[in-house]
């Protein structure tokens, strides 16, 4: 199985102002990768692991992930999807998101020759009781 490097860029947006010593969940990207021939030959799977790195539980975490091939330099990151799951993440707990594409040998060659690029992005949303949502987004190519 070939592991392709995944560059990661992450931005956390807080819509509420945190007070000193306030307990808050903090959703971060812990790991990410793209695997060739996974889960079977001719397929490619991208996955990211979301972790609650904060000091409080994250309730009703809703998330989605997108994975696509495209032209290098393209900016597909404004495309969103419906949320894929809803989970509870206690302090230090993690959840995986994944997406799979079918790939041909020609598409793999185009990626190797940098004629084509891979894009992975998503969003995670949680709430603290009845407060405004805390949104974390992730982008990689």
Foldseek 3Di string as FASTA:
>chain_A
DDKDDKDKDKDWDDPDDDDPPDFDWDKDWPDWIKDAQPPHHQKIKIKTKIWRQTRAKFAFKWKDKDKDKAAPPDDPAVDADGTDDTDIHGHGRMDMDMDMDGHDPVRVVCVVVNRMHMKMKMKIWTDDVPDDITIMIMIID
